[in-house]
C-alpha cells in the first residue's frame, strides 16, 4: 500500500481503529507488567490521554490535514523559488532585514 492510500478516508478508518485497539491492548497488558506503581501510573495516564485525543480524530480530519500539508508545501516551494540567491549568509540575512553578527 503506497502513500496515496492515506488520501482515502477508508484508510484512516482502518488506521484509527488499529490505533485504538493498540492503545487498549497496551493498557490491558500494563496491568500485568512488572513495573513499579509510579511507572505504571505514568504510562496509564499517557495512554488514556492518547485515547482521549484519538476520540477527536476523524478520518476526514486526517485527509484534510494531508491536503493542507500538500498545499502548504507547494506554497513554501513557490516562496523559496522566488527568493533571490545571495552569495553569503550575511547577504541573505540583510535581504531578510536582519543585521548579520559582527563576527562574520
PDB file of N, CA and C in Angstrom:
ATOM      1  N   UNK A   1       0.854  -1.165   0.000  1.00  0.00           N
ATOM      2  CA  UNK A   1       0.000   0.000   0.000  1.00  0.00           C
ATOM      3  C   UNK A   1       0.904   1.233   0.000  1.00  0.00           C
ATOM      4  N   UNK A   2       0.697   2.130  -0.931  1.00  0.00           N
ATOM      5  CA  UNK A   2       1.525   3.317  -1.054  1.00  0.00           C
ATOM      6  C   UNK A   2       0.982   4.487  -0.257  1.00  0.00           C
ATOM      7  N   UNK A   3       1.718   5.584  -0.335  1.00  0.00           N
ATOM      8  CA  UNK A   3       1.344   6.793   0.392  1.00  0.00           C
ATOM      9  C   UNK A   3       0.014   7.356  -0.102  1.00  0.00           C
ATOM     10  N   UNK A   4      -0.337   7.106  -1.348  1.00  0.00           N
ATOM     11  CA  UNK A   4      -1.607   7.614  -1.882  1.00  0.00           C
ATOM     12  C   UNK A   4      -2.809   7.042  -1.138  1.00  0.00           C
ATOM     13  N   UNK A   5      -2.641   5.903  -0.513  1.00  0.00           N
ATOM     14  CA  UNK A   5      -3.743   5.305   0.246  1.00  0.00           C
ATOM     15  C   UNK A   5      -4.176   6.214   1.387  1.00  0.00           C
ATOM     16  N   UNK A   6      -3.257   7.032   1.887  1.00  0.00           N
ATOM     17  CA  UNK A   6      -3.569   7.915   3.006  1.00  0.00           C
ATOM     18  C   UNK A   6      -4.501   9.053   2.607  1.00  0.00           C
ATOM     19  N   UNK A   7      -4.771   9.203   1.323  1.00  0.00           N
ATOM     20  CA  UNK A   7      -5.708  10.224   0.852  1.00  0.00           C
ATOM     21  C   UNK A   7      -7.154   9.767   0.957  1.00  0.00           C
ATOM     22  N   UNK A   8      -7.350   8.544   1.339  1.00  0.00           N
ATOM     23  CA  UNK A   8      -8.677   7.936   1.374  1.00  0.00           C
ATOM     24  C   UNK A   8      -9.158   7.819   2.825  1.00  0.00           C
ATOM     25  N   UNK A   9     -10.362   8.285   3.088  1.00  0.00           N
ATOM     26  CA  UNK A   9     -10.904   8.210   4.449  1.00  0.00           C
ATOM     27  C   UNK A   9     -11.021   6.769   4.937  1.00  0.00           C
ATOM     28  N   UNK A  10     -11.247   5.825   4.026  1.00  0.00           N
ATOM     29  CA  UNK A  10     -11.339   4.416   4.449  1.00  0.00           C
ATOM     30  C   UNK A  10     -10.020   3.939   5.046  1.00  0.00           C
ATOM     31  N   UNK A  11      -8.916   4.422   4.487  1.00  0.00           N
ATOM     32  CA  UNK A  11      -7.601   4.086   5.050  1.00  0.00           C
ATOM     33  C   UNK A  11      -7.534   4.531   6.510  1.00  0.00           C
ATOM     34  N   UNK A  12      -7.966   5.768   6.763  1.00  0.00           N
ATOM     35  CA  UNK A  12      -7.883   6.315   8.106  1.00  0.00           C
ATOM     36  C   UNK A  12      -8.871   5.657   9.058  1.00  0.00           C
ATOM     37  N   UNK A  13     -10.013   5.227   8.562  1.00  0.00           N
ATOM     38  CA  UNK A  13     -10.946   4.476   9.415  1.00  0.00           C
ATOM     39  C   UNK A  13     -10.246   3.243   9.965  1.00  0.00           C
ATOM     40  N   UNK A  14      -9.575   2.518   9.075  1.00  0.00           N
ATOM     41  CA  UNK A  14      -8.851   1.321   9.497  1.00  0.00           C
ATOM     42  C   UNK A  14      -7.695   1.637  10.416  1.00  0.00           C
ATOM     43  N   UNK A  15      -6.938   2.669  10.073  1.00  0.00           N
ATOM     44  CA  UNK A  15      -5.783   3.033  10.879  1.00  0.00           C
ATOM     45  C   UNK A  15      -6.203   3.463  12.282  1.00  0.00           C
ATOM     46  N   UNK A  16      -7.223   4.295  12.365  1.00  0.00           N
ATOM     47  CA  UNK A  16      -7.662   4.788  13.672  1.00  0.00           C
ATOM     48  C   UNK A  16      -8.210   3.653  14.536  1.00  0.00           C
ATOM     49  N   UNK A  17      -8.870   2.696  13.910  1.00  0.00           N
ATOM     50  CA  UNK A  17      -9.354   1.528  14.651  1.00  0.00           C
ATOM     51  C   UNK A  17      -8.178   0.709  15.187  1.00  0.00           C
ATOM     52  N   UNK A  18      -7.175   0.493  14.350  1.00  0.00           N
ATOM     53  CA  UNK A  18      -5.983  -0.251  14.786  1.00  0.00           C
ATOM     54  C   UNK A  18      -5.288   0.490  15.927  1.00  0.00           C
ATOM     55  N   UNK A  19      -5.203   1.795  15.820  1.00  0.00           N
ATOM     56  CA  UNK A  19      -4.574   2.594  16.880  1.00  0.00           C
ATOM     57  C   UNK A  19      -5.347   2.460  18.191  1.00  0.00           C
ATOM     58  N   UNK A  20      -6.660   2.520  18.109  1.00  0.00           N
ATOM     59  CA  UNK A  20      -7.485   2.370  19.313  1.00  0.00           C
ATOM     60  C   UNK A  20      -7.270   0.990  19.931  1.00  0.00           C
ATOM     61  N   UNK A  21      -7.260  -0.037  19.113  1.00  0.00           N
ATOM     62  CA  UNK A  21      -7.049  -1.397  19.612  1.00  0.00           C
ATOM     63  C   UNK A  21      -5.665  -1.539  20.246  1.00  0.00           C
ATOM     64  N   UNK A  22      -4.675  -0.909  19.630  1.00  0.00           N
ATOM     65  CA  UNK A  22      -3.312  -0.955  20.159  1.00  0.00           C
ATOM     66  C   UNK A  22      -3.249  -0.326  21.550  1.00  0.00           C
ATOM     67  N   UNK A  23      -3.850   0.829  21.697  1.00  0.00           N
ATOM     68  CA  UNK A  23      -3.856   1.513  23.000  1.00  0.00           C
ATOM     69  C   UNK A  23      -4.547   0.646  24.044  1.00  0.00           C
ATOM     70  N   UNK A  24      -5.695   0.070  23.691  1.00  0.00           N
ATOM     71  CA  UNK A  24      -6.432  -0.779  24.639  1.00  0.00           C
ATOM     72  C   UNK A  24      -5.621  -2.017  25.007  1.00  0.00           C
ATOM     73  N   UNK A  25      -4.938  -2.589  24.032  1.00  0.00           N
ATOM     74  CA  UNK A  25      -4.132  -3.785  24.292  1.00  0.00           C
ATOM     75  C   UNK A  25      -2.981  -3.466  25.249  1.00  0.00           C
ATOM     76  N   UNK A  26      -2.329  -2.355  25.028  1.00  0.00           N
ATOM     77  CA  UNK A  26      -1.227  -1.969  25.913  1.00  0.00           C
ATOM     78  C   UNK A  26      -1.747  -1.676  27.318  1.00  0.00           C
ATOM     79  N   UNK A  27      -2.876  -0.995  27.418  1.00  0.00           N
ATOM     80  CA  UNK A  27      -3.457  -0.748  28.745  1.00  0.00           C
ATOM     81  C   UNK A  27      -3.756  -2.057  29.463  1.00  0.00           C
ATOM     82  N   UNK A  28      -4.287  -3.026  28.737  1.00  0.00           N
ATOM     83  CA  UNK A  28      -4.596  -4.333  29.341  1.00  0.00           C
ATOM     84  C   UNK A  28      -3.308  -5.031  29.795  1.00  0.00           C
ATOM     85  N   UNK A  29      -2.291  -5.031  28.953  1.00  0.00           N
ATOM     86  CA  UNK A  29      -1.034  -5.692  29.295  1.00  0.00           C
ATOM     87  C   UNK A  29      -0.306  -4.971  30.422  1.00  0.00           C
ATOM     88  N   UNK A  30      -0.509  -3.676  30.514  1.00  0.00           N
ATOM     89  CA  UNK A  30       0.159  -2.887  31.540  1.00  0.00           C
ATOM     90  C   UNK A  30      -0.240  -3.336  32.943  1.00  0.00           C
ATOM     91  N   UNK A  31      -1.466  -3.782  33.077  1.00  0.00           N
ATOM     92  CA  UNK A  31      -1.939  -4.241  34.390  1.00  0.00           C
ATOM     93  C   UNK A  31      -1.098  -5.410  34.902  1.00  0.00           C
ATOM     94  N   UNK A  32      -0.521  -6.180  33.986  1.00  0.00           N
ATOM     95  CA  UNK A  32       0.259  -7.368  34.358  1.00  0.00           C
ATOM     96  C   UNK A  32       1.762  -7.151  34.197  1.00  0.00           C
ATOM     97  N   UNK A  33       2.161  -5.944  33.861  1.00  0.00           N
ATOM     98  CA  UNK A  33       3.576  -5.658  33.618  1.00  0.00           C
ATOM     99  C   UNK A  33       4.355  -5.582  34.928  1.00  0.00           C
ATOM    100  N   UNK A  34       5.608  -5.960  34.847  1.00  0.00           N
ATOM    101  CA  UNK A  34       6.491  -5.929  36.009  1.00  0.00           C
ATOM    102  C   UNK A  34       7.133  -4.546  36.117  1.00  0.00           C
ATOM    103  N   UNK A  35       6.303  -3.586  36.513  1.00  0.00           N
ATOM    104  CA  UNK A  35       6.749  -2.200  36.658  1.00  0.00           C
ATOM    105  C   UNK A  35       6.304  -1.690  38.023  1.00  0.00           C
ATOM    106  N   UNK A  36       6.994  -0.672  38.484  1.00  0.00           N
ATOM    107  CA  UNK A  36       6.591  -0.057  39.736  1.00  0.00           C
ATOM    108  C   UNK A  36       5.311   0.746  39.558  1.00  0.00           C
ATOM    109  N   UNK A  37       4.642   1.018  40.660  1.00  0.00           N
ATOM    110  CA  UNK A  37       3.374   1.751  40.628  1.00  0.00           C
ATOM    111  C   UNK A  37       3.520   3.125  39.974  1.00  0.00           C
ATOM    112  N   UNK A  38       4.544   3.907  40.297  1.00  0.00           N
ATOM    113  CA  UNK A  38       4.649   5.228  39.656  1.00  0.00           C
ATOM    114  C   UNK A  38       4.799   5.126  38.130  1.00  0.00           C
ATOM    115  N   UNK A  39       5.579   4.163  37.682  1.00  0.00           N
ATOM    116  CA  UNK A  39       5.786   3.990  36.240  1.00  0.00           C
ATOM    117  C   UNK A  39       4.492   3.542  35.553  1.00  0.00           C
ATOM    118  N   UNK A  40       3.785   2.602  36.162  1.00  0.00           N
ATOM    119  CA  UNK A  40       2.503   2.156  35.603  1.00  0.00           C
ATOM    120  C   UNK A  40       1.519   3.317  35.525  1.00  0.00           C
ATOM    121  N   UNK A  41       1.495   4.120  36.574  1.00  0.00           N
ATOM    122  CA  UNK A  41       0.571   5.256  36.600  1.00  0.00           C
ATOM    123  C   UNK A  41       0.911   6.249  35.493  1.00  0.00           C
ATOM    124  N   UNK A  42       2.200   6.539  35.314  1.00  0.00           N
ATOM    125  CA  UNK A  42       2.635   7.479  34.286  1.00  0.00           C
ATOM    126  C   UNK A  42       2.263   6.978  32.889  1.00  0.00           C
ATOM    127  N   UNK A  43       2.513   5.714  32.633  1.00  0.00           N
ATOM    128  CA  UNK A  43       2.202   5.135  31.330  1.00  0.00           C
ATOM    129  C   UNK A  43       0.688   5.085  31.113  1.00  0.00           C
ATOM    130  N   UNK A  44      -0.043   4.697  32.138  1.00  0.00           N
ATOM    131  CA  UNK A  44      -1.506   4.630  32.039  1.00  0.00           C
ATOM    132  C   UNK A  44      -2.086   5.994  31.702  1.00  0.00           C
ATOM    133  N   UNK A  45      -1.625   7.026  32.395  1.00  0.00           N
ATOM    134  CA  UNK A  45      -2.128   8.376  32.130  1.00  0.00           C
ATOM    135  C   UNK A  45      -1.811   8.814  30.700  1.00  0.00           C
ATOM    136  N   UNK A  46      -0.607   8.499  30.228  1.00  0.00           N
ATOM    137  CA  UNK A  46      -0.228   8.865  28.857  1.00  0.00           C
ATOM    138  C   UNK A  46      -1.119   8.149  27.839  1.00  0.00           C
ATOM    139  N   UNK A  47      -1.365   6.872  28.072  1.00  0.00           N
ATOM    140  CA  UNK A  47      -2.203   6.107  27.137  1.00  0.00           C
ATOM    141  C   UNK A  47      -3.657   6.572  27.180  1.00  0.00           C
ATOM    142  N   UNK A  48      -4.137   6.903  28.354  1.00  0.00           N
ATOM    143  CA  UNK A  48      -5.505   7.419  28.456  1.00  0.00           C
ATOM    144  C   UNK A  48      -5.607   8.773  27.753  1.00  0.00           C
ATOM    145  N   UNK A  49      -4.562   9.584  27.848  1.00  0.00           N
ATOM    146  CA  UNK A  49      -4.535  10.846  27.121  1.00  0.00           C
ATOM    147  C   UNK A  49      -4.552  10.624  25.623  1.00  0.00           C
ATOM    148  N   UNK A  50      -3.772   9.649  25.160  1.00  0.00           N
ATOM    149  CA  UNK A  50      -3.743   9.323  23.732  1.00  0.00           C
ATOM    150  C   UNK A  50      -5.111   8.824  23.274  1.00  0.00           C
ATOM    151  N   UNK A  51      -5.741   8.022  24.102  1.00  0.00           N
ATOM    152  CA  UNK A  51      -7.079   7.514  23.776  1.00  0.00           C
ATOM    153  C   UNK A  51      -8.086   8.659  23.715  1.00  0.00           C
ATOM    154  N   UNK A  52      -7.965   9.596  24.626  1.00  0.00           N
ATOM    155  CA  UNK A  52      -8.865  10.754  24.626  1.00  0.00           C
ATOM    156  C   UNK A  52      -8.691  11.610  23.381  1.00  0.00           C
ATOM    157  N   UNK A  53      -7.452  11.849  22.983  1.00  0.00           N
ATOM    158  CA  UNK A  53      -7.201  12.631  21.766  1.00  0.00           C
ATOM    159  C   UNK A  53      -7.705  11.869  20.551  1.00  0.00           C
ATOM    160  N   UNK A  54      -7.521  10.568  20.551  1.00  0.00           N
ATOM    161  CA  UNK A  54      -7.955   9.746  19.427  1.00  0.00           C
ATOM    162  C   UNK A  54      -9.459   9.863  19.195  1.00  0.00           C
ATOM    163  N   UNK A  55     -10.202  10.061  20.257  1.00  0.00           N
ATOM    164  CA  UNK A  55     -11.663  10.186  20.138  1.00  0.00           C
ATOM    165  C   UNK A  55     -12.060  11.415  19.321  1.00  0.00           C
ATOM    166  N   UNK A  56     -11.144  12.386  19.200  1.00  0.00           N
ATOM    167  CA  UNK A  56     -11.441  13.611  18.456  1.00  0.00           C
ATOM    168  C   UNK A  56     -10.906  13.587  17.024  1.00  0.00           C
ATOM    169  N   UNK A  57     -10.173  12.550  16.681  1.00  0.00           N
ATOM    170  CA  UNK A  57      -9.571  12.465  15.346  1.00  0.00           C
ATOM    171  C   UNK A  57     -10.483  11.652  14.441  1.00  0.00           C
ATOM    172  N   UNK A  58     -10.877  12.252  13.326  1.00  0.00           N
ATOM    173  CA  UNK A  58     -11.749  11.568  12.373  1.00  0.00           C
ATOM    174  C   UNK A  58     -10.984  11.280  11.084  1.00  0.00           C
ATOM    175  N   UNK A  59     -11.443  10.313  10.313  1.00  0.00           N
ATOM    176  CA  UNK A  59     -10.812  10.065   9.020  1.00  0.00           C
ATOM    177  C   UNK A  59     -10.796  11.317   8.135  1.00  0.00           C
ATOM    178  N   UNK A  60     -11.868  12.073   8.178  1.00  0.00           N
ATOM    179  CA  UNK A  60     -11.913  13.295   7.362  1.00  0.00           C
ATOM    180  C   UNK A  60     -10.870  14.308   7.821  1.00  0.00           C
ATOM    181  N   UNK A  61     -10.694  14.457   9.127  1.00  0.00           N
ATOM    182  CA  UNK A  61      -9.678  15.351   9.656  1.00  0.00           C
ATOM    183  C   UNK A  61      -8.297  14.959   9.129  1.00  0.00           C
ATOM    184  N   UNK A  62      -8.022  13.677   9.078  1.00  0.00           N
ATOM    185  CA  UNK A  62      -6.723  13.193   8.605  1.00  0.00           C
ATOM    186  C   UNK A  62      -6.505  13.521   7.129  1.00  0.00           C
ATOM    187  N   UNK A  63      -7.510  13.265   6.301  1.00  0.00           N
ATOM    188  CA  UNK A  63      -7.352  13.549   4.873  1.00  0.00           C
ATOM    189  C   UNK A  63      -7.274  15.054   4.625  1.00  0.00           C
ATOM    190  N   UNK A  64      -8.031  15.844   5.373  1.00  0.00           N
ATOM    191  CA  UNK A  64      -7.964  17.301   5.223  1.00  0.00           C
ATOM    192  C   UNK A  64      -6.606  17.830   5.668  1.00  0.00           C
ATOM    193  N   UNK A  65      -6.061  17.251   6.719  1.00  0.00           N
ATOM    194  CA  UNK A  65      -4.737  17.658   7.183  1.00  0.00           C
ATOM    195  C   UNK A  65      -3.690  17.390   6.106  1.00  0.00           C
ATOM    196  N   UNK A  66      -3.729  16.215   5.507  1.00  0.00           N
ATOM    197  CA  UNK A  66      -2.758  15.893   4.471  1.00  0.00           C
ATOM    198  C   UNK A  66      -2.904  16.801   3.258  1.00  0.00           C
ATOM    199  N   UNK A  67      -4.138  17.132   2.899  1.00  0.00           N
ATOM    200  CA  UNK A  67      -4.359  18.052   1.779  1.00  0.00           C
ATOM    201  C   UNK A  67      -3.787  19.429   2.107  1.00  0.00           C
ATOM    202  N   UNK A  68      -4.005  19.904   3.319  1.00  0.00           N
ATOM    203  CA  UNK A  68      -3.473  21.205   3.727  1.00  0.00           C
ATOM    204  C   UNK A  68      -1.946  21.176   3.751  1.00  0.00           C
ATOM    205  N   UNK A  69      -1.374  20.062   4.182  1.00  0.00           N
ATOM    206  CA  UNK A  69       0.078  19.921   4.200  1.00  0.00           C
ATOM    207  C   UNK A  69       0.642  19.987   2.782  1.00  0.00           C
ATOM    208  N   UNK A  70      -0.019  19.289   1.846  1.00  0.00           N
ATOM    209  CA  UNK A  70       0.422  19.335   0.446  1.00  0.00           C
ATOM    210  C   UNK A  70       0.349  20.761  -0.099  1.00  0.00           C
ATOM    211  N   UNK A  71      -0.760  21.445   0.179  1.00  0.00           N
ATOM    212  CA  UNK A  71      -0.918  22.832  -0.281  1.00  0.00           C
ATOM    213  C   UNK A  71       0.163  23.727   0.319  1.00  0.00           C
ATOM    214  N   UNK A  72       0.447  23.528   1.600  1.00  0.00           N
ATOM    215  CA  UNK A  72       1.461  24.337   2.267  1.00  0.00           C
ATOM    216  C   UNK A  72       2.837  24.094   1.662  1.00  0.00           C
ATOM    217  N   UNK A  73       3.138  22.864   1.327  1.00  0.00           N
ATOM    218  CA  UNK A  73       4.433  22.563   0.715  1.00  0.00           C
ATOM    219  C   UNK A  73       4.570  23.252  -0.634  1.00  0.00           C
ATOM    220  N   UNK A  74       3.487  23.277  -1.422  1.00  0.00           N
ATOM    221  CA  UNK A  74       3.513  23.968  -2.707  1.00  0.00           C
ATOM    222  C   UNK A  74       3.745  25.457  -2.491  1.00  0.00           C
ATOM    223  N   UNK A  75       3.028  26.043  -1.536  1.00  0.00           N
ATOM    224  CA  UNK A  75       3.182  27.466  -1.231  1.00  0.00           C
ATOM    225  C   UNK A  75       4.612  27.765  -0.796  1.00  0.00           C
ATOM    226  N   UNK A  76       5.160  26.931   0.067  1.00  0.00           N
ATOM    227  CA  UNK A  76       6.511  27.142   0.567  1.00  0.00           C
ATOM    228  C   UNK A  76       7.534  27.018  -0.560  1.00  0.00           C
ATOM    229  N   UNK A  77       7.386  26.002  -1.405  1.00  0.00           N
ATOM    230  CA  UNK A  77       8.318  25.830  -2.528  1.00  0.00           C
ATOM    231  C   UNK A  77       8.247  27.013  -3.485  1.00  0.00           C
ATOM    232  N   UNK A  78       7.053  27.521  -3.737  1.00  0.00           N
ATOM    233  CA  UNK A  78       6.878  28.691  -4.592  1.00  0.00           C
ATOM    234  C   UNK A  78       7.588  29.894  -3.971  1.00  0.00           C
ATOM    235  N   UNK A  79       7.411  30.078  -2.685  1.00  0.00           N
ATOM    236  CA  UNK A  79       8.064  31.185  -1.977  1.00  0.00           C
ATOM    237  C   UNK A  79       9.584  31.060  -2.083  1.00  0.00           C
ATOM    238  N   UNK A  80      10.104  29.861  -1.854  1.00  0.00           N
ATOM    239  CA  UNK A  80      11.550  29.668  -1.894  1.00  0.00           C
ATOM    240  C   UNK A  80      12.114  29.937  -3.285  1.00  0.00           C
ATOM    241  N   UNK A  81      11.386  29.534  -4.315  1.00  0.00           N
ATOM    242  CA  UNK A  81      11.860  29.771  -5.685  1.00  0.00           C
ATOM    243  C   UNK A  81      11.909  31.261  -6.022  1.00  0.00           C
ATOM    244  N   UNK A  82      11.079  32.045  -5.370  1.00  0.00           N
ATOM    245  CA  UNK A  82      11.030  33.482  -5.653  1.00  0.00           C
ATOM    246  C   UNK A  82      12.090  34.276  -4.888  1.00  0.00           C
ATOM    247  N   UNK A  83      12.714  33.670  -3.906  1.00  0.00           N
ATOM    248  CA  UNK A  83      13.739  34.372  -3.145  1.00  0.00           C
ATOM    249  C   UNK A  83      14.974  34.581  -4.016  1.00  0.00           C
ATOM    250  N   UNK A  84      15.572  35.750  -3.940  1.00  0.00           N
ATOM    251  CA  UNK A  84      16.813  35.961  -4.691  1.00  0.00           C
ATOM    252  C   UNK A  84      17.942  35.145  -4.060  1.00  0.00           C
ATOM    253  N   UNK A  85      18.861  34.730  -4.896  1.00  0.00           N
ATOM    254  CA  UNK A  85      20.005  33.969  -4.396  1.00  0.00           C
ATOM    255  C   UNK A  85      21.071  34.948  -3.923  1.00  0.00           C
ATOM    256  N   UNK A  86      21.610  34.683  -2.768  1.00  0.00           N
ATOM    257  CA  UNK A  86      22.665  35.526  -2.197  1.00  0.00           C
ATOM    258  C   UNK A  86      23.929  34.692  -2.097  1.00  0.00           C
ATOM    259  N   UNK A  87      25.049  35.344  -2.254  1.00  0.00           N
ATOM    260  CA  UNK A  87      26.325  34.628  -2.249  1.00  0.00           C
ATOM    261  C   UNK A  87      26.859  34.371  -0.848  1.00  0.00           C
ATOM    262  N   UNK A  88      26.204  34.953   0.153  1.00  0.00           N
ATOM    263  CA  UNK A  88      26.695  34.749   1.514  1.00  0.00           C
ATOM    264  C   UNK A  88      25.529  34.727   2.491  1.00  0.00           C
ATOM    265  N   UNK A  89      25.792  34.167   3.652  1.00  0.00           N
ATOM    266  CA  UNK A  89      24.776  34.157   4.707  1.00  0.00           C
ATOM    267  C   UNK A  89      24.471  35.582   5.148  1.00  0.00           C
ATOM    268  N   UNK A  90      25.502  36.428   5.190  1.00  0.00           N
ATOM    269  CA  UNK A  90      25.289  37.824   5.587  1.00  0.00           C
ATOM    270  C   UNK A  90      24.366  38.527   4.597  1.00  0.00           C
ATOM    271  N   UNK A  91      24.564  38.282   3.303  1.00  0.00           N
ATOM    272  CA  UNK A  91      23.702  38.876   2.290  1.00  0.00           C
ATOM    273  C   UNK A  91      22.265  38.399   2.427  1.00  0.00           C
ATOM    274  N   UNK A  92      22.102  37.121   2.729  1.00  0.00           N
ATOM    275  CA  UNK A  92      20.759  36.567   2.912  1.00  0.00           C
ATOM    276  C   UNK A  92      20.084  37.199   4.128  1.00  0.00           C
ATOM    277  N   UNK A  93      20.822  37.367   5.201  1.00  0.00           N
ATOM    278  CA  UNK A  93      20.260  37.999   6.401  1.00  0.00           C
ATOM    279  C   UNK A  93      19.860  39.448   6.116  1.00  0.00           C
ATOM    280  N   UNK A  94      20.692  40.168   5.387  1.00  0.00           N
ATOM    281  CA  UNK A  94      20.357  41.560   5.047  1.00  0.00           C
ATOM    282  C   UNK A  94      19.088  41.620   4.200  1.00  0.00           C
ATOM    283  N   UNK A  95      18.952  40.674   3.269  1.00  0.00           N
ATOM    284  CA  UNK A  95      17.746  40.630   2.437  1.00  0.00           C
ATOM    285  C   UNK A  95      16.499  40.464   3.300  1.00  0.00           C
ATOM    286  N   UNK A  96      16.623  39.721   4.369  1.00  0.00           N
ATOM    287  CA  UNK A  96      15.505  39.490   5.278  1.00  0.00           C
ATOM    288  C   UNK A  96      15.331  40.628   6.287  1.00  0.00           C
ATOM    289  N   UNK A  97      16.163  41.650   6.168  1.00  0.00           N
ATOM    290  CA  UNK A  97      16.047  42.788   7.076  1.00  0.00           C
ATOM    291  C   UNK A  97      16.731  42.565   8.407  1.00  0.00           C
ATOM    292  N   UNK A  98      17.637  41.606   8.441  1.00  0.00           N
ATOM    293  CA  UNK A  98      18.352  41.289   9.684  1.00  0.00           C
ATOM    294  C   UNK A  98      19.806  41.728   9.551  1.00  0.00           C
ATOM    295  N   UNK A  99      20.366  42.106  10.657  1.00  0.00           N
ATOM    296  CA  UNK A  99      21.773  42.508  10.671  1.00  0.00           C
ATOM    297  C   UNK A  99      22.628  41.282  11.013  1.00  0.00           C
ATOM    298  N   UNK A 100      23.564  40.942  10.140  1.00  0.00           N
ATOM    299  CA  UNK A 100      24.426  39.792  10.442  1.00  0.00           C
ATOM    300  C   UNK A 100      25.320  40.062  11.662  1.00  0.00           C
ATOM    301  N   UNK A 101      25.675  39.031  12.370  1.00  0.00           N
ATOM    302  CA  UNK A 101      26.572  39.222  13.515  1.00  0.00           C
ATOM    303  C   UNK A 101      27.906  39.818  13.042  1.00  0.00           C
ATOM    304  N   UNK A 102      28.550  40.554  13.884  1.00  0.00           N
ATOM    305  CA  UNK A 102      29.802  41.236  13.518  1.00  0.00           C
ATOM    306  C   UNK A 102      30.971  40.273  13.342  1.00  0.00           C
ATOM    307  N   UNK A 103      30.851  39.064  13.831  1.00  0.00           N
ATOM    308  CA  UNK A 103      31.971  38.112  13.719  1.00  0.00           C
ATOM    309  C   UNK A 103      32.116  37.589  12.294  1.00  0.00           C
ATOM    310  N   UNK A 104      31.151  37.840  11.445  1.00  0.00           N
ATOM    311  CA  UNK A 104      31.249  37.361  10.052  1.00  0.00           C
ATOM    312  C   UNK A 104      32.087  38.283   9.292  1.00  0.00           C
TER     313      UNK A 104
END
